[in-house]
Protein backbone atom coordinates (compact mmCIF):
# COMPACT_ATOMS: atom_id res chain seq x y z
CA MET A 1 -38.35 9.81 -34.87
CA ASN A 2 -40.18 12.23 -33.02
CA LYS A 3 -40.19 16.32 -33.31
CA GLU A 4 -37.69 17.30 -30.77
CA ALA A 5 -34.98 15.65 -33.02
CA ILE A 6 -35.85 17.79 -35.30
CA PRO A 7 -32.77 20.66 -35.97
CA ALA A 8 -33.78 23.63 -34.17
CA SER A 9 -31.88 25.67 -36.81
CA GLY A 10 -34.29 24.31 -39.22
CA ARG A 11 -37.40 24.57 -37.36
CA THR A 12 -36.48 28.52 -36.67
CA ALA A 13 -35.68 29.31 -40.27
CA THR A 14 -39.86 27.58 -40.83
CA ASP A 15 -41.17 29.61 -38.16
CA ASP A 16 -39.83 32.70 -39.00
CA SER A 17 -40.49 32.22 -42.71
CA LEU A 18 -44.68 31.83 -41.31
CA ARG A 19 -44.07 35.06 -39.09
CA VAL A 20 -43.13 36.56 -41.91
CA GLU A 21 -45.83 35.51 -44.14
CA ARG A 22 -48.50 35.82 -41.32
CA THR A 23 -47.14 39.61 -40.84
CA GLU A 24 -47.91 40.41 -44.68
CA ALA A 25 -51.38 39.21 -44.53
CA ASP A 26 -51.84 40.92 -41.53
CA SER A 27 -50.72 44.30 -43.08
CA GLU A 28 -52.65 43.49 -46.47
CA LEU A 29 -56.35 42.83 -44.62
CA SER A 30 -55.39 46.01 -41.91
CA GLN A 31 -54.54 48.39 -45.45
CA ALA A 32 -57.80 46.78 -46.95
CA ARG A 33 -59.77 47.72 -43.82
CA ASP A 34 -58.13 51.20 -43.28
CA SER A 35 -58.94 51.86 -46.88
CA ILE A 36 -62.88 50.77 -46.95
CA GLU A 37 -63.52 53.24 -43.69
CA ARG A 38 -61.50 55.81 -45.60
CA GLU A 39 -63.84 55.99 -48.97
CA ALA A 40 -66.67 55.64 -46.52
CA ASP A 41 -66.00 58.86 -44.68
CA GLU A 42 -64.73 60.51 -47.54
CA ALA A 43 -68.55 59.73 -49.13
CA ALA A 44 -70.33 60.52 -45.73
CA GLU A 45 -68.20 63.88 -45.41
CA GLY A 46 -69.06 64.97 -49.60
CA ALA A 47 -72.81 64.37 -48.74
CA ARG A 48 -72.52 66.72 -45.57
CA GLN A 49 -70.58 69.05 -47.05
CA GLN A 50 -73.21 69.14 -50.01
CA ALA A 51 -76.06 69.31 -48.20
CA ASP A 52 -74.97 72.29 -46.68
CA GLU A 53 -73.86 74.10 -49.83
CA HIS A 54 -77.72 73.68 -51.08
CA LEU A 55 -79.38 75.44 -47.59
CA GLN A 56 -77.31 77.82 -47.75
CA ASP A 57 -78.27 78.76 -51.39
CA ALA A 58 -82.00 78.08 -50.86
CA ARG A 59 -81.65 80.45 -47.89
CA ALA A 60 -80.03 82.94 -50.16
CA LEU A 61 -82.79 82.77 -53.14
CA ALA A 62 -84.97 83.31 -50.22
CA ASP A 63 -83.98 86.47 -49.07
CA ALA A 64 -83.35 87.86 -52.64
CA GLU A 65 -86.93 86.64 -53.31
CA LEU A 66 -88.37 88.32 -49.67
CA ALA A 67 -86.38 91.54 -50.76
CA ARG A 68 -87.70 92.21 -54.75
CA ALA A 69 -91.08 91.63 -53.30
CA GLY A 70 -90.73 94.73 -50.64
CA ALA A 71 -91.37 92.26 -47.51
CA THR A 72 -92.24 94.02 -44.61
CA PRO A 73 -90.49 93.44 -41.23
CA GLY A 74 -93.06 91.60 -40.06
CA MET A 75 -92.93 89.06 -43.26
CA ARG A 76 -88.76 89.06 -42.48
CA ALA A 77 -89.27 88.22 -38.89
CA ALA A 78 -91.83 85.13 -39.72
CA ALA A 79 -89.52 84.06 -42.45
CA ARG A 80 -86.02 84.34 -40.47
CA ALA A 81 -88.47 82.49 -37.49
CA GLU A 82 -89.40 79.69 -40.20
CA GLN A 83 -85.33 79.26 -41.25
CA ARG A 84 -84.36 78.42 -37.23
CA THR A 85 -87.31 76.19 -37.69
CA GLU A 86 -85.55 74.63 -40.42
CA ASP A 87 -82.50 74.76 -39.14
CA ALA A 88 -83.56 72.79 -35.98
CA THR A 89 -85.06 70.81 -38.00
CA HIS A 90 -81.81 70.07 -40.06
CA GLU A 91 -79.74 69.72 -37.24
CA VAL A 92 -81.92 66.81 -36.12
CA GLU A 93 -82.04 65.46 -39.66
CA ARG A 94 -78.40 65.42 -39.66
CA ALA A 95 -77.51 64.16 -35.93
CA ALA A 96 -80.06 61.37 -37.29
CA VAL A 97 -77.97 60.74 -40.01
CA ASP A 98 -74.96 60.99 -37.99
CA GLU A 99 -76.01 58.13 -35.84
CA ALA A 100 -76.89 55.80 -38.86
CA ILE A 101 -73.38 56.95 -40.20
CA GLN A 102 -71.57 55.78 -36.61
CA GLN A 103 -73.90 52.88 -36.50
CA GLU A 104 -73.08 51.44 -40.27
CA ARG A 105 -69.42 52.40 -39.71
CA SER A 106 -69.24 50.18 -36.73
CA GLN A 107 -71.67 47.57 -38.56
CA ARG A 108 -68.50 47.57 -41.25
CA ARG A 109 -65.87 47.45 -39.04
CA HIS A 110 -66.97 44.29 -37.40
CA ALA A 111 -67.96 42.65 -40.74
CA VAL A 112 -64.07 43.83 -42.05
CA GLY A 113 -62.95 42.33 -38.20
CA ASP A 114 -64.85 39.09 -39.14
CA VAL A 115 -63.37 38.98 -42.63
CA LEU A 116 -59.86 39.91 -40.65
CA LEU A 117 -60.38 36.96 -38.20
CA HIS A 118 -61.72 34.69 -40.97
CA GLU A 119 -58.62 35.23 -42.90
CA ARG A 120 -55.95 35.07 -40.37
CA ALA A 121 -57.46 31.61 -39.62
CA GLU A 122 -56.81 30.50 -43.19
CA THR A 123 -53.50 32.28 -43.13
CA ASP A 124 -52.86 29.95 -39.94
CA GLU A 125 -53.99 27.16 -40.73
CA ARG A 126 -52.17 27.25 -44.12
CA LEU A 127 -48.87 27.81 -41.89
CA TRP A 128 -49.21 25.60 -39.50
CA SER A 129 -49.65 22.88 -42.44
CA GLU A 130 -46.60 23.98 -43.89
CA ARG A 131 -44.82 23.62 -41.09
CA ALA A 132 -46.10 20.17 -40.13
CA ARG A 133 -44.88 19.69 -43.93
CA ALA A 134 -41.24 21.21 -43.25
CA ASP A 135 -41.34 19.07 -39.91
CA ASP A 136 -42.08 15.68 -42.23
CA ALA A 137 -39.78 16.83 -44.73
CA PHE A 138 -36.97 17.24 -41.91
CA GLU A 139 -38.04 13.58 -40.03
CA ARG A 140 -37.18 12.03 -43.47
CA ILE A 141 -34.46 13.83 -44.24
CA LEU A 142 -32.63 12.67 -40.48
CA ASP A 143 -33.98 9.19 -41.20
CA GLU A 144 -32.26 8.67 -43.98
CA LEU A 145 -29.28 10.41 -42.71
CA GLY A 146 -29.00 8.57 -40.15
CA GLU A 147 -29.36 5.19 -42.38
CA ALA A 148 -26.74 6.49 -44.61
CA VAL A 149 -24.44 6.76 -41.49
CA ARG A 150 -25.41 3.47 -40.16
CA LEU A 151 -24.56 1.99 -43.52
CA ARG A 152 -21.43 3.90 -43.94
CA ASP A 153 -20.13 2.73 -39.86
CA SER A 154 -21.15 -0.93 -41.26
CA PHE A 155 -19.04 -0.81 -44.19
CA LEU A 156 -16.42 0.72 -42.49
CA SER A 157 -16.28 -2.20 -39.83
CA ILE A 158 -16.62 -4.69 -42.50
CA ALA A 159 -14.15 -3.05 -44.37
CA SER A 160 -11.61 -2.88 -41.60
CA HIS A 161 -11.60 -6.30 -40.61
CA GLU A 162 -11.00 -7.58 -44.37
CA LEU A 163 -7.94 -5.27 -44.37
CA LYS A 164 -7.00 -6.58 -40.52
CA THR A 165 -7.11 -10.01 -41.17
CA PRO A 166 -3.80 -10.53 -43.66
CA LEU A 167 -1.97 -7.94 -41.41
CA THR A 168 -1.46 -10.52 -38.71
CA PRO A 169 0.33 -13.27 -41.06
CA LEU A 170 2.05 -10.54 -43.03
CA THR A 171 3.72 -9.31 -40.00
CA LEU A 172 4.74 -12.16 -39.11
CA ARG A 173 6.55 -13.18 -41.78
CA LEU A 174 8.38 -10.03 -41.72
CA GLU A 175 9.64 -9.96 -38.48
CA SER A 176 10.41 -13.90 -39.44
CA LEU A 177 12.42 -12.09 -42.46
CA ALA A 178 14.35 -9.90 -39.82
CA ARG A 179 15.48 -12.39 -37.39
CA ASP A 180 16.86 -14.45 -40.20
CA ALA A 181 18.54 -11.48 -41.76
CA ALA A 182 19.82 -10.63 -38.12
CA LYS A 183 21.56 -14.08 -37.85
CA GLN A 184 23.81 -13.50 -40.90
CA PRO A 185 24.36 -9.60 -40.89
CA ASP A 186 27.43 -9.34 -43.44
CA SER A 187 25.92 -12.06 -45.82
CA PRO A 188 24.70 -10.89 -49.39
CA PHE A 189 20.99 -12.13 -48.02
CA SER A 190 20.84 -9.51 -45.42
CA ARG A 191 22.55 -7.10 -47.27
CA ARG A 192 19.88 -7.20 -49.69
CA VAL A 193 16.62 -7.43 -47.94
CA SER A 194 17.53 -5.33 -44.75
CA SER A 195 15.91 -2.03 -46.09
CA TYR A 196 13.26 -3.73 -48.23
CA ILE A 197 12.19 -5.19 -44.78
CA ASP A 198 12.55 -1.65 -42.49
CA THR A 199 10.40 0.12 -45.16
CA ALA A 200 8.07 -2.98 -45.43
CA SER A 201 7.42 -2.71 -41.98
CA ARG A 202 6.85 0.90 -41.90
CA GLN A 203 4.02 0.44 -44.23
CA VAL A 204 2.86 -2.21 -42.68
CA GLY A 205 2.74 -0.20 -39.27
CA LYS A 206 1.22 2.37 -41.59
CA LEU A 207 -1.54 0.54 -42.65
CA ALA A 208 -1.84 -0.92 -39.35
CA VAL A 209 -2.45 2.25 -37.60
CA LEU A 210 -5.57 3.25 -40.39
CA VAL A 211 -7.33 -0.10 -40.18
CA ALA A 212 -7.18 0.92 -36.44
CA GLY A 213 -8.59 4.29 -36.97
CA LEU A 214 -11.43 2.37 -39.33
CA LEU A 215 -12.55 0.41 -36.72
CA ASP A 216 -12.41 3.05 -34.01
CA VAL A 217 -15.40 5.05 -35.51
CA PRO A 218 -18.08 2.86 -35.54
CA ARG A 219 -17.24 1.86 -31.72
CA ILE A 220 -16.89 5.53 -31.21
CA THR A 221 -20.17 6.84 -33.24
CA ALA A 222 -22.76 4.20 -31.52
CA GLY A 223 -21.01 4.84 -28.03
CA SER A 224 -20.24 1.55 -27.56
CA ALA A 225 -16.28 1.92 -27.02
CA THR A 226 -15.02 1.76 -23.87
CA LEU A 227 -11.71 2.26 -22.12
CA GLU A 228 -10.26 0.80 -18.97
CA LEU A 229 -8.96 3.30 -16.32
CA VAL A 230 -6.28 2.56 -13.90
CA PRO A 231 -3.31 4.77 -12.43
CA VAL A 232 -1.12 5.97 -14.95
CA ASP A 233 2.38 7.83 -14.99
CA LEU A 234 1.81 10.78 -17.69
CA CYS A 235 5.90 11.53 -17.46
CA GLU A 236 6.90 7.52 -18.23
CA ILE A 237 4.46 7.80 -21.52
CA LEU A 238 6.28 10.25 -22.87
CA GLY A 239 9.11 8.75 -22.29
CA THR A 240 8.75 5.83 -23.65
CA LEU A 241 7.16 7.98 -26.95
CA GLU A 242 9.83 9.88 -26.84
CA ALA A 243 12.58 7.02 -27.13
CA ARG A 244 10.31 5.46 -29.94
CA PHE A 245 10.14 8.26 -32.03
CA ARG A 246 14.15 8.87 -31.70
CA PRO A 247 14.95 7.22 -34.39
CA ARG A 248 12.48 9.04 -36.95
CA LEU A 249 13.34 12.15 -35.33
CA LEU A 250 17.19 11.69 -36.61
CA LYS A 251 16.50 10.53 -39.84
CA ALA A 252 14.23 13.73 -40.50
CA GLY A 253 16.93 16.06 -38.85
CA SER A 254 14.60 17.18 -36.20
CA VAL A 255 14.81 17.72 -32.52
CA LEU A 256 12.10 17.02 -29.71
CA THR A 257 12.86 18.58 -26.80
CA LEU A 258 10.49 16.99 -23.54
CA ASP A 259 9.81 19.40 -20.96
CA ALA A 260 8.59 17.33 -18.01
CA ALA A 261 9.94 15.81 -14.43
CA GLY A 262 7.62 13.08 -13.12
CA PRO A 263 5.84 11.19 -12.13
CA LEU A 264 2.48 12.29 -12.65
CA LEU A 265 0.13 9.81 -11.99
CA GLY A 266 -3.92 9.97 -12.95
CA ASN A 267 -6.70 7.45 -13.41
CA TRP A 268 -6.58 7.30 -17.32
CA ASN A 269 -5.87 4.47 -20.06
CA ALA A 270 -1.95 4.31 -21.24
CA LEU A 271 -2.82 2.56 -24.69
CA ARG A 272 -5.38 5.04 -25.71
CA LEU A 273 -3.29 7.99 -23.99
CA GLU A 274 -0.44 6.63 -25.95
CA GLN A 275 -2.04 6.32 -29.01
CA ALA A 276 -3.26 10.29 -28.82
CA ILE A 277 -0.22 11.69 -28.06
CA SER A 278 1.69 9.56 -30.88
CA HIS A 279 -0.36 10.85 -33.44
CA LEU A 280 -0.03 14.22 -32.48
CA LEU A 281 3.61 13.34 -32.74
CA ASP A 282 3.54 12.21 -36.14
CA ASN A 283 1.48 15.26 -37.48
CA ALA A 284 4.41 17.69 -35.97
CA LEU A 285 6.77 15.23 -37.92
CA LYS A 286 4.92 15.42 -40.89
CA PHE A 287 3.97 18.96 -41.25
CA GLY A 288 7.30 20.18 -39.22
CA ALA A 289 9.73 19.49 -41.94
CA GLY A 290 12.56 18.73 -40.07
CA SER A 291 11.86 21.79 -37.48
CA PRO A 292 12.21 21.22 -33.94
CA VAL A 293 9.19 19.65 -31.79
CA LEU A 294 8.33 20.52 -28.54
CA VAL A 295 6.23 18.63 -25.78
CA ALA A 296 5.38 20.26 -22.65
CA LEU A 297 3.69 18.51 -19.55
CA LYS A 298 2.11 21.07 -16.81
CA ILE A 299 -0.21 20.97 -14.28
CA SER A 300 -2.85 24.26 -14.24
CA ALA A 301 -6.45 24.35 -12.16
CA GLY A 302 -6.00 20.20 -11.75
CA PHE A 303 -5.66 19.50 -15.19
CA ALA A 304 -2.22 17.45 -16.50
CA ARG A 305 -1.88 19.98 -19.95
CA VAL A 306 0.35 18.26 -22.27
CA SER A 307 1.44 20.18 -25.81
CA VAL A 308 2.73 19.42 -28.40
CA THR A 309 3.85 22.38 -30.93
CA ASP A 310 5.71 22.09 -33.92
CA HIS A 311 6.77 24.95 -36.35
CA GLY A 312 5.21 23.88 -39.62
CA PRO A 313 2.68 26.06 -42.06
CA GLY A 314 -0.01 26.36 -39.36
CA ILE A 315 -3.72 25.73 -39.91
CA PRO A 316 -6.05 28.73 -41.31
CA GLU A 317 -8.42 29.57 -38.46
CA GLU A 318 -11.66 28.79 -40.25
CA ASP A 319 -10.29 24.64 -40.15
CA LEU A 320 -9.00 25.26 -36.34
CA GLU A 321 -12.47 22.78 -35.26
CA ARG A 322 -13.50 21.25 -38.58
CA ILE A 323 -10.04 19.35 -38.23
CA PHE A 324 -11.21 17.40 -35.26
CA HIS A 325 -14.75 16.06 -37.21
CA ARG A 326 -14.75 12.74 -39.48
CA PHE A 327 -12.69 12.40 -42.92
CA GLU A 328 -12.05 16.22 -42.49
CA ARG A 329 -8.53 17.60 -43.58
CA ALA A 330 -6.92 21.26 -43.54
CA VAL A 331 -4.33 19.62 -46.73
CA PRO A 332 -5.07 18.30 -49.89
CA ASP A 333 -4.83 14.57 -50.22
CA ARG A 334 -2.31 14.84 -52.97
CA HIS A 335 0.27 16.11 -50.45
CA TYR A 336 -0.19 14.22 -47.12
CA GLY A 337 -1.64 10.40 -46.72
CA GLY A 338 -4.67 9.05 -44.38
CA LEU A 339 -7.84 9.28 -43.90
CA GLY A 340 -8.59 12.46 -41.70
CA LEU A 341 -9.82 10.37 -38.46
CA GLY A 342 -6.92 10.42 -36.77
CA LEU A 343 -7.66 13.93 -34.77
CA TYR A 344 -11.46 12.59 -34.73
CA ARG A 345 -9.60 9.87 -32.82
CA CYS A 346 -7.61 11.44 -30.47
CA ARG A 347 -10.24 14.10 -29.37
CA SER A 348 -12.74 10.89 -28.82
CA ILE A 349 -10.02 9.18 -26.46
CA VAL A 350 -9.42 11.98 -24.44
CA GLN A 351 -13.12 13.11 -23.89
CA PHE A 352 -13.41 9.38 -23.08
CA MET A 353 -10.94 10.58 -20.30
CA ALA A 354 -13.28 13.23 -19.27
CA GLY A 355 -10.22 15.77 -20.83
CA THR A 356 -9.86 17.49 -23.98
CA LEU A 357 -7.85 18.59 -27.03
CA SER A 358 -7.38 21.65 -28.65
CA VAL A 359 -5.50 23.26 -31.01
CA GLN A 360 -3.72 26.95 -31.33
CA SER A 361 -2.25 28.00 -35.07
CA THR A 362 -0.92 30.93 -37.08
CA LEU A 363 -0.54 29.95 -40.31
CA GLY A 364 3.07 30.29 -41.27
CA GLN A 365 3.96 30.16 -37.34
CA GLY A 366 3.23 26.34 -36.38
CA ALA A 367 0.79 24.99 -34.44
CA THR A 368 0.19 23.86 -30.57
CA PHE A 369 -2.00 20.67 -29.88
CA VAL A 370 -2.85 20.48 -26.20
CA ILE A 371 -4.56 17.49 -24.03
CA GLU A 372 -5.95 18.68 -20.56
CA LEU A 373 -6.96 15.64 -18.51
CA PRO A 374 -8.29 16.18 -14.97
CA LEU A 375 -5.89 15.02 -12.12
CA PRO A 376 -7.16 13.08 -8.81
CA GLU A 377 -7.76 15.42 -5.71
CA VAL A 378 -4.44 13.68 -4.14
CA ARG A 379 -1.24 13.33 -6.58
CA ALA A 380 1.79 11.02 -5.91
CA GLN A 381 4.51 13.27 -4.00
CA GLY A 382 6.98 14.26 -6.54
CA ALA A 383 4.59 15.03 -9.45
CA VAL A 384 5.58 17.49 -12.12
CA GLN A 385 6.80 20.48 -11.24
CA ALA A 386 5.28 24.04 -12.16
CA GLU A 387 8.84 24.74 -14.22
CA PRO A 388 10.55 21.75 -15.18
CA SER A 389 14.18 21.17 -16.56
CA THR A 390 13.97 20.80 -20.15
CA LYS A 391 16.70 18.91 -22.05
CA PRO A 392 16.63 18.31 -26.19
CA SER A 393 16.13 14.33 -26.93
CA SER A 394 19.61 14.35 -29.05
CA GLU A 395 21.42 14.87 -25.40
CA ARG A 396 19.58 11.77 -23.53
């Protein structure tokens, strides 16, 4: 695995840590250099002041001795001339000492600079070595995660196929029982098994949906899922779904309002699009708890916009994006069934058709899921109007 695959956030954190450590090392070395130079300057200045003080004391002592000896003006003039000569000599010596101090300071600065460069080189080598180890650790973690995902997807594929195998004969057997019961609707046999058949059929349907979701995950993850896009009437799909959901709506005491007029044609996959919208309707009924459900179809900026609105408990803001990830849920498992794959599949399906799936929600005020699909440049006449009429399903 190349280093470009390493997450940018992880490498940035490592670089920041190394940069801080190098800055601290440079600061320590710079402080040490300044401290050495400051101590040397203070020692040189102290020696110079001490020499000046000794010279002043010597002159005062010489003047006092001349005064006690009764020196003549000529002798005093000669003594002052000698002092000037000594001062000149002293200045020359001081200049020589100052030059020597400056040379020593320059040499010391170069020496400290060499030490600083050496220390920085060692620090850089250590830091780059640490970064290389961190990169290697990232690569190992990514490899392990990739292998874990591969094994998981392999398990899901095998498990879903094994689960799907008995569903077909079970479904056929239930259909056969339903036909036998329908032939003698007033018989004790029909009255006894009809409710059982309905319940079993619904549960088998739910299991089939879960198995289909498990089968889709490895294909979507691997990028091997393909969809055939053909001209599709989106209004017809919504009408079909409304008719299919009507019995469940009546049983739940809910009303589905379909806000659409058609036809609205586009290059999509009818089966997969129906699966995505059907899952959104399932969620609306599940979480709406009998409240009205609104399905609206609009055209906006070259996109077909399908929205499904419920009046359930809503979704916390921090979960609005997370719920579209694999095996993620925003509700407790003990209250609601499922594997946390439905919305992941829905978004993947819509993205395969170059569309988007998003959600808007406020806690306590329900949620609105929005599918946006690109429309062809030329649409059939009689497409969805900007403000179509609405008609509750109970009136259809």
